[in-house]
Amino acid sequence: NIDAIDLGSATDNAANTLELSDAELDTVTAVSLQIGDNTISGINVSTAISPANVDTLRLDANGDITQAAGITETNLAVSSGANIALTNTGNNVTNFAASHGAALQFANNGDLTIGNITDLVGLTSANQDATISATGSLDVANGINIGNASATLSASGGSVTGAANVTAGSLNATAQNEINLN
């Protein structure tokens, strides 16, 4: 029985845990790679991963999705029935989408677009806070729908822009340059 997933692990020692190293992930060639499902108790990125032959990485768990090291991927979709805490400064993602059952925190090194990836469109939750930060610009290309929870958007090296709807109880946006959410 697999209960948890450890991405980046160089060993295969943990009981009831699927451990995949970055080298093992590099052997997968696919347009889209889904790791986990709603029966998994949690996913942790223990060492940096950058699946070399995959355009879209999707992480799914019923429990928390966390990290101790960065993720490099063009498209990253994350779905969790609990917290998503992907705040490592090594994250380098172009497009991001998430569905979260508890708080969402995502930090990216560079520009970031909130997009439509696999069947996830933008950011969605039932009244759970979302914090998204980018060291470049942040484009809200697809909607943020988090009910009456708080949305925090930050672009420390660029602008926060987008034409998609933001549905939230409160919105806090900061940017080095402009903020333009139509």
Protein backbone atom coordinates (compact mmCIF):
# COMPACT_ATOMS: atom_id res chain seq x y z
CA ASN A 1 0.00 0.00 0.00
CA ILE A 2 1.35 3.39 -1.01
CA ASP A 3 0.35 6.08 1.49
CA ALA A 4 2.77 8.89 0.63
CA ILE A 5 5.09 10.06 -2.14
CA ASP A 6 8.63 11.45 -1.82
CA LEU A 7 9.86 13.18 -4.96
CA GLY A 8 13.60 13.61 -5.28
CA SER A 9 14.45 10.78 -2.89
CA ALA A 10 17.60 8.88 -3.82
CA THR A 11 16.61 5.88 -1.70
CA ASP A 12 13.72 3.44 -1.61
CA ASN A 13 13.66 2.79 2.14
CA ALA A 14 10.52 4.44 3.56
CA ALA A 15 7.66 2.09 4.30
CA ASN A 16 4.44 2.64 2.32
CA THR A 17 6.07 5.52 0.39
CA LEU A 18 6.69 5.79 -3.32
CA GLU A 19 10.15 7.35 -3.65
CA LEU A 20 11.14 8.76 -7.04
CA SER A 21 14.49 10.44 -7.68
CA ASP A 22 14.96 13.23 -10.21
CA ALA A 23 16.95 10.78 -12.36
CA GLU A 24 14.02 8.34 -12.32
CA LEU A 25 11.60 11.14 -13.26
CA ASP A 26 13.93 12.06 -16.15
CA THR A 27 13.36 8.60 -17.68
CA VAL A 28 9.65 9.36 -18.22
CA THR A 29 8.76 10.80 -21.63
CA ALA A 30 5.23 12.21 -21.75
CA VAL A 31 3.32 15.36 -22.49
CA SER A 32 1.73 15.12 -19.03
CA LEU A 33 2.77 13.17 -15.92
CA GLN A 34 0.37 12.76 -12.99
CA ILE A 35 1.84 11.65 -9.69
CA GLY A 36 -0.58 10.60 -6.95
CA ASP A 37 -4.33 10.67 -6.57
CA ASN A 38 -6.92 11.44 -3.88
CA THR A 39 -5.94 8.35 -1.85
CA ILE A 40 -2.40 9.60 -1.14
CA SER A 41 -1.88 11.04 2.35
CA GLY A 42 0.79 13.50 1.19
CA ILE A 43 3.51 14.41 -1.27
CA ASN A 44 6.87 15.94 -0.34
CA VAL A 45 9.55 17.20 -2.71
CA SER A 46 12.66 16.34 -0.69
CA THR A 47 15.29 17.11 -3.35
CA ALA A 48 15.04 19.34 -6.43
CA ILE A 49 13.17 17.83 -9.36
CA SER A 50 13.03 18.85 -13.02
CA PRO A 51 11.44 16.10 -15.13
CA ALA A 52 13.46 16.51 -18.34
CA ASN A 53 11.02 14.92 -20.80
CA VAL A 54 7.67 16.11 -19.43
CA ASP A 55 5.84 19.35 -20.30
CA THR A 56 3.20 19.14 -17.55
CA LEU A 57 3.59 17.79 -14.02
CA ARG A 58 0.47 17.20 -11.95
CA LEU A 59 0.64 16.39 -8.23
CA ASP A 60 -2.47 14.96 -6.52
CA ALA A 61 -2.99 14.07 -2.86
CA ASN A 62 -5.70 14.04 -0.25
CA GLY A 63 -3.17 15.31 2.31
CA ASP A 64 -0.57 18.07 2.37
CA ILE A 65 1.74 18.76 -0.57
CA THR A 66 5.02 20.24 0.67
CA GLN A 67 8.62 20.73 -0.35
CA ALA A 68 12.16 21.08 0.92
CA ALA A 69 13.59 21.69 -2.58
CA GLY A 70 12.57 23.31 -5.85
CA ILE A 71 10.48 22.16 -8.81
CA THR A 72 11.43 23.13 -12.36
CA GLU A 73 8.66 22.52 -14.89
CA THR A 74 6.85 24.36 -17.68
CA ASN A 75 3.34 23.53 -16.39
CA LEU A 76 2.60 22.58 -12.78
CA ALA A 77 -0.88 21.55 -11.66
CA VAL A 78 -1.46 20.70 -7.99
CA SER A 79 -4.57 19.29 -6.34
CA SER A 80 -4.86 18.63 -2.62
CA GLY A 81 -7.65 18.04 -0.14
CA ALA A 82 -5.42 19.78 2.43
CA ASN A 83 -2.60 22.35 2.45
CA ILE A 84 -0.33 23.13 -0.48
CA ALA A 85 2.92 24.69 0.75
CA LEU A 86 5.29 25.01 -2.20
CA THR A 87 7.38 28.00 -1.17
CA ASN A 88 10.93 26.92 -1.98
CA THR A 89 12.91 29.67 -3.72
CA GLY A 90 14.15 27.07 -6.22
CA ASN A 91 10.74 26.77 -7.90
CA ASN A 92 10.95 27.71 -11.57
CA VAL A 93 7.54 27.18 -13.17
CA THR A 94 5.99 28.98 -16.15
CA ASN A 95 2.29 28.11 -15.68
CA PHE A 96 0.55 27.13 -12.43
CA ALA A 97 -2.95 25.93 -11.50
CA ALA A 98 -4.26 24.51 -8.24
CA SER A 99 -7.27 23.18 -6.40
CA HIS A 100 -6.85 23.22 -2.63
CA GLY A 101 -8.86 22.04 0.37
CA ALA A 102 -6.89 24.17 2.85
CA ALA A 103 -4.35 27.00 2.56
CA LEU A 104 -2.35 27.40 -0.66
CA GLN A 105 1.12 28.98 -0.73
CA PHE A 106 3.19 29.00 -3.91
CA ALA A 107 6.42 30.90 -4.61
CA ASN A 108 8.13 31.07 -7.98
CA ASN A 109 11.56 32.25 -9.09
CA GLY A 110 10.73 34.24 -12.24
CA ASP A 111 7.58 35.15 -14.15
CA LEU A 112 4.45 33.10 -13.46
CA THR A 113 1.07 32.67 -15.17
CA ILE A 114 -2.00 31.39 -13.34
CA GLY A 115 -3.26 29.17 -16.12
CA ASN A 116 -5.38 26.28 -17.31
CA ILE A 117 -3.51 23.00 -16.86
CA THR A 118 -5.05 19.57 -17.39
CA ASP A 119 -8.52 19.91 -15.82
CA LEU A 120 -7.46 22.57 -13.30
CA VAL A 121 -8.36 26.13 -14.27
CA GLY A 122 -6.68 28.90 -12.28
CA LEU A 123 -6.91 28.62 -8.49
CA THR A 124 -9.98 27.11 -6.83
CA SER A 125 -11.04 26.29 -3.29
CA ALA A 126 -14.02 26.42 -0.99
CA ASN A 127 -13.11 29.47 1.12
CA GLN A 128 -9.41 28.72 1.66
CA ASP A 129 -6.66 31.38 1.50
CA ALA A 130 -4.25 31.53 -1.44
CA THR A 131 -0.85 33.25 -1.51
CA ILE A 132 1.04 33.39 -4.80
CA SER A 133 4.39 35.16 -5.22
CA ALA A 134 6.77 35.54 -8.15
CA THR A 135 10.17 37.19 -8.35
CA GLY A 136 9.18 38.37 -11.85
CA SER A 137 5.71 39.28 -13.12
CA LEU A 138 2.47 37.49 -12.21
CA ASP A 139 -0.24 37.09 -14.88
CA VAL A 140 -3.71 35.99 -13.77
CA ALA A 141 -4.69 34.50 -17.14
CA ASN A 142 -7.31 32.18 -15.62
CA GLY A 143 -9.57 32.93 -12.69
CA ILE A 144 -9.04 32.75 -8.98
CA ASN A 145 -12.14 31.46 -7.21
CA ILE A 146 -11.57 30.98 -3.49
CA GLY A 147 -14.95 32.06 -2.12
CA ASN A 148 -14.71 34.52 0.76
CA ALA A 149 -11.08 33.67 1.62
CA SER A 150 -8.06 35.98 1.20
CA ALA A 151 -6.01 36.13 -2.00
CA THR A 152 -2.49 37.55 -1.80
CA LEU A 153 -0.64 38.16 -5.08
CA SER A 154 2.93 39.43 -5.25
CA ALA A 155 5.30 40.22 -8.12
CA SER A 156 8.50 41.49 -6.52
CA GLY A 157 10.29 41.96 -9.84
CA GLY A 158 7.48 42.94 -12.20
CA SER A 159 3.74 43.52 -12.51
CA VAL A 160 0.55 41.80 -11.39
CA THR A 161 -1.75 41.73 -14.41
CA GLY A 162 -4.62 39.74 -15.83
CA ALA A 163 -8.06 39.85 -17.34
CA ALA A 164 -9.49 36.85 -15.45
CA ASN A 165 -11.97 37.16 -12.59
CA VAL A 166 -10.76 37.08 -9.00
CA THR A 167 -13.43 35.91 -6.55
CA ALA A 168 -12.21 36.27 -2.98
CA GLY A 169 -13.27 37.81 0.33
CA SER A 170 -10.23 40.09 0.14
CA LEU A 171 -7.46 40.73 -2.34
CA ASN A 172 -3.99 42.06 -1.53
CA ALA A 173 -1.73 42.65 -4.53
CA THR A 174 1.80 44.09 -4.49
CA ALA A 175 4.20 44.61 -7.39
CA GLN A 176 7.43 46.37 -8.25
CA ASN A 177 5.70 47.86 -11.29
CA GLU A 178 1.99 48.05 -12.10
CA ILE A 179 -1.07 46.24 -10.78
CA ASN A 180 -3.72 45.86 -13.47
CA LEU A 181 -6.43 43.27 -12.87
CA ASN A 182 -9.37 43.96 -15.20
